[in-house]
Each structure stands twice: as structure tokens, then as C-alpha cells.
Amino acid sequence: DLMVGASIGGFQAVEWCVMEPERISRAVFIAT
């Protein structure tokens, strides 16, 4: 429902939103 990542955590979060776009409803990318 919500993916959250900051810094390299944000790198992971945005990569995941591209790798499995259909599985993630909302994402918060912080300082990334």
C-alpha cells in the first residue's frame, strides 16, 4: 500500500516501483 525510502532507501523504492509497478499503490521518495 505504501513504499517509503530515503537516500539509498529512495533509490531502492523508485527502482522497485519500476520493477513491479502493479504491486505498489503509493510511494514516498525522500531526499533521493
Full PDB file with SEQRES, HELIX, SHEET, SSBOND, CRYST1, ORIGX, SCALE, CONECT and MASTER records, all heavy atoms in Angstrom:
SEQRES   1 A   32  ASP LEU MET VAL GLY ALA SER ILE GLY GLY PHE GLN ALA          
SEQRES   2 A   32  VAL GLU TRP CYS VAL MET GLU PRO GLU ARG ILE SER ARG          
SEQRES   3 A   32  ALA VAL PHE ILE ALA THR                                      
HELIX    1 AA1 ILE A    8  MET A   19  1                                  12    
HELIX    2 AA2 PRO A   21  ARG A   23  5                                   3    
SHEET    1 AA1 2 LEU A   2  ALA A   6  0                                        
SHEET    2 AA1 2 ARG A  26  ILE A  30  1                                        
CRYST1    1.000    1.000    1.000  90.00  90.00  90.00 P 1           1          
ORIGX1      1.000000  0.000000  0.000000        0.00000                         
ORIGX2      0.000000  1.000000  0.000000        0.00000                         
ORIGX3      0.000000  0.000000  1.000000        0.00000                         
SCALE1      1.000000  0.000000  0.000000        0.00000                         
SCALE2      0.000000  1.000000  0.000000        0.00000                         
SCALE3      0.000000  0.000000  1.000000        0.00000                         
ATOM      1  N   ASP A   1       0.819  -1.218   0.000  1.00  0.00           N  
ATOM      2  CA  ASP A   1       0.000   0.000   0.000  1.00  0.00           C  
ATOM      3  C   ASP A   1       0.848   1.261   0.000  1.00  0.00           C  
ATOM      4  O   ASP A   1       0.485   2.251  -0.638  1.00  0.00           O  
ATOM      5  CB  ASP A   1      -0.933  -0.014   1.216  1.00  0.00           C  
ATOM      6  CG  ASP A   1      -1.952  -1.130   1.124  1.00  0.00           C  
ATOM      7  OD1 ASP A   1      -2.998  -0.922   0.493  1.00  0.00           O  
ATOM      8  OD2 ASP A   1      -1.680  -2.232   1.651  1.00  0.00           O  
ATOM      9  N   LEU A   2       1.970   1.236   0.729  1.00  0.00           N  
ATOM     10  CA  LEU A   2       2.840   2.418   0.782  1.00  0.00           C  
ATOM     11  C   LEU A   2       4.291   1.981   0.841  1.00  0.00           C  
ATOM     12  O   LEU A   2       4.695   1.252   1.751  1.00  0.00           O  
ATOM     13  CB  LEU A   2       2.511   3.290   2.001  1.00  0.00           C  
ATOM     14  CG  LEU A   2       3.314   4.593   2.116  1.00  0.00           C  
ATOM     15  CD1 LEU A   2       2.978   5.541   0.964  1.00  0.00           C  
ATOM     16  CD2 LEU A   2       3.050   5.288   3.453  1.00  0.00           C  
ATOM     17  N   MET A   3       5.069   2.424  -0.124  1.00  0.00           N  
ATOM     18  CA  MET A   3       6.513   2.202  -0.169  1.00  0.00           C  
ATOM     19  C   MET A   3       7.199   3.497   0.245  1.00  0.00           C  
ATOM     20  O   MET A   3       6.886   4.563  -0.295  1.00  0.00           O  
ATOM     21  CB  MET A   3       6.923   1.822  -1.594  1.00  0.00           C  
ATOM     22  CG  MET A   3       8.421   1.742  -1.841  1.00  0.00           C  
ATOM     23  SD  MET A   3       9.131   0.249  -1.179  1.00  0.00           S  
ATOM     24  CE  MET A   3       8.325  -0.972  -2.214  1.00  0.00           C  
ATOM     25  N   VAL A   4       8.129   3.424   1.198  1.00  0.00           N  
ATOM     26  CA  VAL A   4       8.804   4.615   1.697  1.00  0.00           C  
ATOM     27  C   VAL A   4      10.307   4.383   1.694  1.00  0.00           C  
ATOM     28  O   VAL A   4      10.790   3.354   2.186  1.00  0.00           O  
ATOM     29  CB  VAL A   4       8.359   4.959   3.136  1.00  0.00           C  
ATOM     30  CG1 VAL A   4       9.037   6.243   3.609  1.00  0.00           C  
ATOM     31  CG2 VAL A   4       6.855   5.101   3.217  1.00  0.00           C  
ATOM     32  N   GLY A   5      11.064   5.334   1.151  1.00  0.00           N  
ATOM     33  CA  GLY A   5      12.509   5.217   1.178  1.00  0.00           C  
ATOM     34  C   GLY A   5      13.173   6.574   1.117  1.00  0.00           C  
ATOM     35  O   GLY A   5      12.711   7.468   0.409  1.00  0.00           O  
ATOM     36  N   ALA A   6      14.265   6.727   1.864  1.00  0.00           N  
ATOM     37  CA  ALA A   6      15.055   7.957   1.844  1.00  0.00           C  
ATOM     38  C   ALA A   6      16.498   7.621   1.502  1.00  0.00           C  
ATOM     39  O   ALA A   6      17.003   6.546   1.849  1.00  0.00           O  
ATOM     40  CB  ALA A   6      15.002   8.654   3.204  1.00  0.00           C  
ATOM     41  N   SER A   7      17.168   8.522   0.789  1.00  0.00           N  
ATOM     42  CA  SER A   7      18.561   8.342   0.416  1.00  0.00           C  
ATOM     43  C   SER A   7      18.701   7.080  -0.437  1.00  0.00           C  
ATOM     44  O   SER A   7      17.961   6.900  -1.405  1.00  0.00           O  
ATOM     45  CB  SER A   7      19.435   8.308   1.672  1.00  0.00           C  
ATOM     46  OG  SER A   7      20.791   8.486   1.346  1.00  0.00           O  
ATOM     47  N   ILE A   8      19.600   6.143  -0.101  1.00  0.00           N  
ATOM     48  CA  ILE A   8      19.691   4.906  -0.881  1.00  0.00           C  
ATOM     49  C   ILE A   8      18.421   4.071  -0.700  1.00  0.00           C  
ATOM     50  O   ILE A   8      18.081   3.260  -1.558  1.00  0.00           O  
ATOM     51  CB  ILE A   8      20.957   4.086  -0.517  1.00  0.00           C  
ATOM     52  CG1 ILE A   8      21.184   2.965  -1.551  1.00  0.00           C  
ATOM     53  CG2 ILE A   8      20.871   3.529   0.881  1.00  0.00           C  
ATOM     54  CD1 ILE A   8      22.471   2.176  -1.354  1.00  0.00           C  
ATOM     55  N   GLY A   9      17.692   4.308   0.388  1.00  0.00           N  
ATOM     56  CA  GLY A   9      16.372   3.690   0.527  1.00  0.00           C  
ATOM     57  C   GLY A   9      15.428   4.196  -0.551  1.00  0.00           C  
ATOM     58  O   GLY A   9      14.589   3.463  -1.066  1.00  0.00           O  
ATOM     59  N   GLY A  10      15.585   5.459  -0.917  1.00  0.00           N  
ATOM     60  CA  GLY A  10      14.804   6.019  -2.014  1.00  0.00           C  
ATOM     61  C   GLY A  10      15.216   5.438  -3.353  1.00  0.00           C  
ATOM     62  O   GLY A  10      14.381   5.248  -4.244  1.00  0.00           O  
ATOM     63  N   PHE A  11      16.521   5.173  -3.515  1.00  0.00           N  
ATOM     64  CA  PHE A  11      16.986   4.504  -4.729  1.00  0.00           C  
ATOM     65  C   PHE A  11      16.243   3.165  -4.885  1.00  0.00           C  
ATOM     66  O   PHE A  11      15.776   2.813  -5.966  1.00  0.00           O  
ATOM     67  CB  PHE A  11      18.490   4.209  -4.662  1.00  0.00           C  
ATOM     68  CG  PHE A  11      19.400   5.409  -4.729  1.00  0.00           C  
ATOM     69  CD1 PHE A  11      18.910   6.697  -4.779  1.00  0.00           C  
ATOM     70  CD2 PHE A  11      20.773   5.237  -4.736  1.00  0.00           C  
ATOM     71  CE1 PHE A  11      19.769   7.800  -4.841  1.00  0.00           C  
ATOM     72  CE2 PHE A  11      21.646   6.316  -4.814  1.00  0.00           C  
ATOM     73  CZ  PHE A  11      21.140   7.608  -4.860  1.00  0.00           C  
ATOM     74  N   GLN A  12      16.183   2.415  -3.772  1.00  0.00           N  
ATOM     75  CA  GLN A  12      15.501   1.123  -3.800  1.00  0.00           C  
ATOM     76  C   GLN A  12      14.009   1.288  -4.114  1.00  0.00           C  
ATOM     77  O   GLN A  12      13.441   0.538  -4.913  1.00  0.00           O  
ATOM     78  CB  GLN A  12      15.650   0.425  -2.445  1.00  0.00           C  
ATOM     79  CG  GLN A  12      17.066   0.083  -2.043  1.00  0.00           C  
ATOM     80  CD  GLN A  12      17.129  -0.330  -0.597  1.00  0.00           C  
ATOM     81  OE1 GLN A  12      16.546  -1.333  -0.183  1.00  0.00           O  
ATOM     82  NE2 GLN A  12      17.843   0.442   0.221  1.00  0.00           N  
ATOM     83  N   ALA A  13      13.388   2.264  -3.452  1.00  0.00           N  
ATOM     84  CA  ALA A  13      11.942   2.458  -3.598  1.00  0.00           C  
ATOM     85  C   ALA A  13      11.568   2.777  -5.040  1.00  0.00           C  
ATOM     86  O   ALA A  13      10.614   2.210  -5.596  1.00  0.00           O  
ATOM     87  CB  ALA A  13      11.461   3.566  -2.658  1.00  0.00           C  
ATOM     88  N   VAL A  14      12.316   3.680  -5.685  1.00  0.00           N  
ATOM     89  CA  VAL A  14      11.952   4.049  -7.056  1.00  0.00           C  
ATOM     90  C   VAL A  14      12.276   2.913  -8.021  1.00  0.00           C  
ATOM     91  O   VAL A  14      11.535   2.669  -8.987  1.00  0.00           O  
ATOM     92  CB  VAL A  14      12.622   5.382  -7.469  1.00  0.00           C  
ATOM     93  CG1 VAL A  14      14.127   5.248  -7.666  1.00  0.00           C  
ATOM     94  CG2 VAL A  14      11.967   5.933  -8.735  1.00  0.00           C  
ATOM     95  N   GLU A  15      13.359   2.175  -7.776  1.00  0.00           N  
ATOM     96  CA  GLU A  15      13.674   1.003  -8.609  1.00  0.00           C  
ATOM     97  C   GLU A  15      12.538  -0.021  -8.513  1.00  0.00           C  
ATOM     98  O   GLU A  15      12.120  -0.591  -9.521  1.00  0.00           O  
ATOM     99  CB  GLU A  15      14.984   0.359  -8.159  1.00  0.00           C  
ATOM    100  CG  GLU A  15      16.206   0.835  -8.901  1.00  0.00           C  
ATOM    101  CD  GLU A  15      16.275   0.359 -10.339  1.00  0.00           C  
ATOM    102  OE1 GLU A  15      15.470  -0.504 -10.752  1.00  0.00           O  
ATOM    103  OE2 GLU A  15      17.138   0.858 -11.067  1.00  0.00           O  
ATOM    104  N   TRP A  16      12.078  -0.265  -7.296  1.00  0.00           N  
ATOM    105  CA  TRP A  16      11.031  -1.262  -7.103  1.00  0.00           C  
ATOM    106  C   TRP A  16       9.738  -0.841  -7.797  1.00  0.00           C  
ATOM    107  O   TRP A  16       9.021  -1.659  -8.374  1.00  0.00           O  
ATOM    108  CB  TRP A  16      10.801  -1.481  -5.609  1.00  0.00           C  
ATOM    109  CG  TRP A  16      10.108  -2.765  -5.270  1.00  0.00           C  
ATOM    110  CD1 TRP A  16       9.414  -3.588  -6.108  1.00  0.00           C  
ATOM    111  CD2 TRP A  16      10.064  -3.390  -3.987  1.00  0.00           C  
ATOM    112  NE1 TRP A  16       8.923  -4.681  -5.427  1.00  0.00           N  
ATOM    113  CE2 TRP A  16       9.313  -4.585  -4.122  1.00  0.00           C  
ATOM    114  CE3 TRP A  16      10.569  -3.056  -2.742  1.00  0.00           C  
ATOM    115  CZ2 TRP A  16       9.053  -5.436  -3.050  1.00  0.00           C  
ATOM    116  CZ3 TRP A  16      10.324  -3.909  -1.668  1.00  0.00           C  
ATOM    117  CH2 TRP A  16       9.577  -5.091  -1.831  1.00  0.00           C  
ATOM    118  N   CYS A  17       9.443   0.463  -7.757  1.00  0.00           N  
ATOM    119  CA  CYS A  17       8.230   0.963  -8.422  1.00  0.00           C  
ATOM    120  C   CYS A  17       8.294   0.772  -9.931  1.00  0.00           C  
ATOM    121  O   CYS A  17       7.253   0.737 -10.600  1.00  0.00           O  
ATOM    122  CB  CYS A  17       8.017   2.440  -8.089  1.00  0.00           C  
ATOM    123  SG  CYS A  17       7.411   2.731  -6.413  1.00  0.00           S  
ATOM    124  N   VAL A  18       9.500   0.655 -10.490  1.00  0.00           N  
ATOM    125  CA  VAL A  18       9.664   0.372 -11.912  1.00  0.00           C  
ATOM    126  C   VAL A  18       9.689  -1.134 -12.164  1.00  0.00           C  
ATOM    127  O   VAL A  18       9.127  -1.619 -13.149  1.00  0.00           O  
ATOM    128  CB  VAL A  18      10.957   1.037 -12.450  1.00  0.00           C  
ATOM    129  CG1 VAL A  18      11.265   0.575 -13.876  1.00  0.00           C  
ATOM    130  CG2 VAL A  18      10.830   2.555 -12.415  1.00  0.00           C  
ATOM    131  N   MET A  19      10.312  -1.879 -11.259  1.00  0.00           N  
ATOM    132  CA  MET A  19      10.438  -3.329 -11.443  1.00  0.00           C  
ATOM    133  C   MET A  19       9.114  -4.067 -11.245  1.00  0.00           C  
ATOM    134  O   MET A  19       8.828  -5.046 -11.937  1.00  0.00           O  
ATOM    135  CB  MET A  19      11.504  -3.883 -10.493  1.00  0.00           C  
ATOM    136  CG  MET A  19      12.915  -3.449 -10.858  1.00  0.00           C  
ATOM    137  SD  MET A  19      14.154  -3.832  -9.586  1.00  0.00           S  
ATOM    138  CE  MET A  19      14.293  -5.606  -9.761  1.00  0.00           C  
ATOM    139  N   GLU A  20       8.290  -3.611 -10.300  1.00  0.00           N  
ATOM    140  CA  GLU A  20       6.986  -4.226 -10.042  1.00  0.00           C  
ATOM    141  C   GLU A  20       5.917  -3.143  -9.908  1.00  0.00           C  
ATOM    142  O   GLU A  20       5.320  -2.964  -8.841  1.00  0.00           O  
ATOM    143  CB  GLU A  20       7.027  -5.082  -8.766  1.00  0.00           C  
ATOM    144  CG  GLU A  20       7.893  -6.322  -8.868  1.00  0.00           C  
ATOM    145  CD  GLU A  20       7.621  -7.311  -7.734  1.00  0.00           C  
ATOM    146  OE1 GLU A  20       7.492  -6.864  -6.565  1.00  0.00           O  
ATOM    147  OE2 GLU A  20       7.535  -8.514  -8.004  1.00  0.00           O  
ATOM    148  N   PRO A  21       5.667  -2.393 -10.960  1.00  0.00           N  
ATOM    149  CA  PRO A  21       4.776  -1.224 -10.858  1.00  0.00           C  
ATOM    150  C   PRO A  21       3.358  -1.559 -10.423  1.00  0.00           C  
ATOM    151  O   PRO A  21       2.706  -0.750  -9.738  1.00  0.00           O  
ATOM    152  CB  PRO A  21       4.800  -0.637 -12.275  1.00  0.00           C  
ATOM    153  CG  PRO A  21       5.228  -1.763 -13.160  1.00  0.00           C  
ATOM    154  CD  PRO A  21       6.168  -2.578 -12.332  1.00  0.00           C  
ATOM    155  N   GLU A  22       2.885  -2.731 -10.774  1.00  0.00           N  
ATOM    156  CA  GLU A  22       1.497  -3.090 -10.484  1.00  0.00           C  
ATOM    157  C   GLU A  22       1.267  -3.458  -9.025  1.00  0.00           C  
ATOM    158  O   GLU A  22       0.119  -3.549  -8.576  1.00  0.00           O  
ATOM    159  CB  GLU A  22       1.056  -4.255 -11.391  1.00  0.00           C  
ATOM    160  CG  GLU A  22       1.646  -5.621 -11.035  1.00  0.00           C  
ATOM    161  CD  GLU A  22       3.119  -5.799 -11.385  1.00  0.00           C  
ATOM    162  OE1 GLU A  22       3.689  -4.917 -12.067  1.00  0.00           O  
ATOM    163  OE2 GLU A  22       3.704  -6.820 -10.968  1.00  0.00           O  
ATOM    164  N   ARG A  23       2.341  -3.632  -8.258  1.00  0.00           N  
ATOM    165  CA  ARG A  23       2.196  -4.107  -6.876  1.00  0.00           C  
ATOM    166  C   ARG A  23       2.197  -2.982  -5.835  1.00  0.00           C  
ATOM    167  O   ARG A  23       1.993  -3.235  -4.653  1.00  0.00           O  
ATOM    168  CB  ARG A  23       3.307  -5.099  -6.536  1.00  0.00           C  
ATOM    169  CG  ARG A  23       3.239  -6.384  -7.354  1.00  0.00           C  
ATOM    170  CD  ARG A  23       4.082  -7.475  -6.752  1.00  0.00           C  
ATOM    171  NE  ARG A  23       4.072  -8.667  -7.592  1.00  0.00           N  
ATOM    172  CZ  ARG A  23       3.149  -9.623  -7.527  1.00  0.00           C  
ATOM    173  NH1 ARG A  23       2.150  -9.503  -6.666  1.00  0.00           N  
ATOM    174  NH2 ARG A  23       3.223 -10.678  -8.320  1.00  0.00           N  
ATOM    175  N   ILE A  24       2.464  -1.759  -6.248  1.00  0.00           N  
ATOM    176  CA  ILE A  24       2.648  -0.663  -5.288  1.00  0.00           C  
ATOM    177  C   ILE A  24       1.630   0.442  -5.556  1.00  0.00           C  
ATOM    178  O   ILE A  24       1.583   1.010  -6.654  1.00  0.00           O  
ATOM    179  CB  ILE A  24       4.083  -0.116  -5.379  1.00  0.00           C  
ATOM    180  CG1 ILE A  24       5.092  -1.244  -5.104  1.00  0.00           C  
ATOM    181  CG2 ILE A  24       4.282   1.036  -4.398  1.00  0.00           C  
ATOM    182  CD1 ILE A  24       6.498  -0.930  -5.533  1.00  0.00           C  
ATOM    183  N   SER A  25       0.817   0.753  -4.543  1.00  0.00           N  
ATOM    184  CA  SER A  25      -0.218   1.784  -4.708  1.00  0.00           C  
ATOM    185  C   SER A  25       0.333   3.194  -4.546  1.00  0.00           C  
ATOM    186  O   SER A  25       0.042   4.081  -5.349  1.00  0.00           O  
ATOM    187  CB  SER A  25      -1.346   1.569  -3.685  1.00  0.00           C  
ATOM    188  OG  SER A  25      -2.064   0.410  -3.970  1.00  0.00           O  
ATOM    189  N   ARG A  26       1.085   3.398  -3.475  1.00  0.00           N  
ATOM    190  CA  ARG A  26       1.622   4.727  -3.185  1.00  0.00           C  
ATOM    191  C   ARG A  26       3.096   4.617  -2.830  1.00  0.00           C  
ATOM    192  O   ARG A  26       3.532   3.623  -2.254  1.00  0.00           O  
ATOM    193  CB  ARG A  26       0.871   5.390  -2.020  1.00  0.00           C  
ATOM    194  CG  ARG A  26      -0.544   5.824  -2.362  1.00  0.00           C  
ATOM    195  CD  ARG A  26      -1.184   6.548  -1.180  1.00  0.00           C  
ATOM    196  NE  ARG A  26      -2.455   7.140  -1.553  1.00  0.00           N  
ATOM    197  CZ  ARG A  26      -3.612   6.488  -1.562  1.00  0.00           C  
ATOM    198  NH1 ARG A  26      -3.647   5.200  -1.213  1.00  0.00           N  
ATOM    199  NH2 ARG A  26      -4.720   7.090  -1.915  1.00  0.00           N  
ATOM    200  N   ALA A  27       3.847   5.655  -3.166  1.00  0.00           N  
ATOM    201  CA  ALA A  27       5.273   5.669  -2.855  1.00  0.00           C  
ATOM    202  C   ALA A  27       5.679   7.050  -2.379  1.00  0.00           C  
ATOM    203  O   ALA A  27       5.177   8.065  -2.881  1.00  0.00           O  
ATOM    204  CB  ALA A  27       6.089   5.266  -4.076  1.00  0.00           C  
ATOM    205  N   VAL A  28       6.574   7.065  -1.401  1.00  0.00           N  
ATOM    206  CA  VAL A  28       7.132   8.321  -0.903  1.00  0.00           C  
ATOM    207  C   VAL A  28       8.646   8.239  -1.056  1.00  0.00           C  
ATOM    208  O   VAL A  28       9.298   7.380  -0.466  1.00  0.00           O  
ATOM    209  CB  VAL A  28       6.764   8.568   0.569  1.00  0.00           C  
ATOM    210  CG1 VAL A  28       7.406   9.864   1.061  1.00  0.00           C  
ATOM    211  CG2 VAL A  28       5.252   8.629   0.739  1.00  0.00           C  
ATOM    212  N   PHE A  29       9.189   9.127  -1.876  1.00  0.00           N  
ATOM    213  CA  PHE A  29      10.627   9.183  -2.123  1.00  0.00           C  
ATOM    214  C   PHE A  29      11.178  10.409  -1.395  1.00  0.00           C  
ATOM    215  O   PHE A  29      10.809  11.541  -1.715  1.00  0.00           O  
ATOM    216  CB  PHE A  29      10.911   9.284  -3.620  1.00  0.00           C  
ATOM    217  CG  PHE A  29      10.176   8.265  -4.465  1.00  0.00           C  
ATOM    218  CD1 PHE A  29       9.312   8.675  -5.483  1.00  0.00           C  
ATOM    219  CD2 PHE A  29      10.337   6.914  -4.238  1.00  0.00           C  
ATOM    220  CE1 PHE A  29       8.649   7.748  -6.274  1.00  0.00           C  
ATOM    221  CE2 PHE A  29       9.674   5.970  -5.017  1.00  0.00           C  
ATOM    222  CZ  PHE A  29       8.827   6.379  -6.028  1.00  0.00           C  
ATOM    223  N   ILE A  30      12.072  10.187  -0.445  1.00  0.00           N  
ATOM    224  CA  ILE A  30      12.573  11.272   0.406  1.00  0.00           C  
ATOM    225  C   ILE A  30      14.065  11.467   0.178  1.00  0.00           C  
ATOM    226  O   ILE A  30      14.853  10.511   0.267  1.00  0.00           O  
ATOM    227  CB  ILE A  30      12.331  10.959   1.899  1.00  0.00           C  
ATOM    228  CG1 ILE A  30      10.873  10.583   2.154  1.00  0.00           C  
ATOM    229  CG2 ILE A  30      12.739  12.148   2.765  1.00  0.00           C  
ATOM    230  CD1 ILE A  30      10.629  10.001   3.547  1.00  0.00           C  
ATOM    231  N   ALA A  31      14.475  12.713  -0.114  1.00  0.00           N  
ATOM    232  CA  ALA A  31      15.899  13.059  -0.216  1.00  0.00           C  
ATOM    233  C   ALA A  31      16.657  12.034  -1.049  1.00  0.00           C  
ATOM    234  O   ALA A  31      17.572  11.362  -0.567  1.00  0.00           O  
ATOM    235  CB  ALA A  31      16.510  13.176   1.181  1.00  0.00           C  
ATOM    236  N   THR A  32      16.288  11.900  -2.308  1.00  0.00           N  
ATOM    237  CA  THR A  32      16.837  10.846  -3.145  1.00  0.00           C  
ATOM    238  C   THR A  32      16.866  11.291  -4.608  1.00  0.00           C  
ATOM    239  O   THR A  32      16.661  12.470  -4.904  1.00  0.00           O  
ATOM    240  CB  THR A  32      16.033   9.538  -2.928  1.00  0.00           C  
ATOM    241  OG1 THR A  32      16.718   8.464  -3.526  1.00  0.00           O  
ATOM    242  CG2 THR A  32      14.617   9.664  -3.457  1.00  0.00           C  
TER     243      THR A  32                                                      
MASTER        0    0    0    2    2    0    0    6  242    1    0    3          
END                                                                             
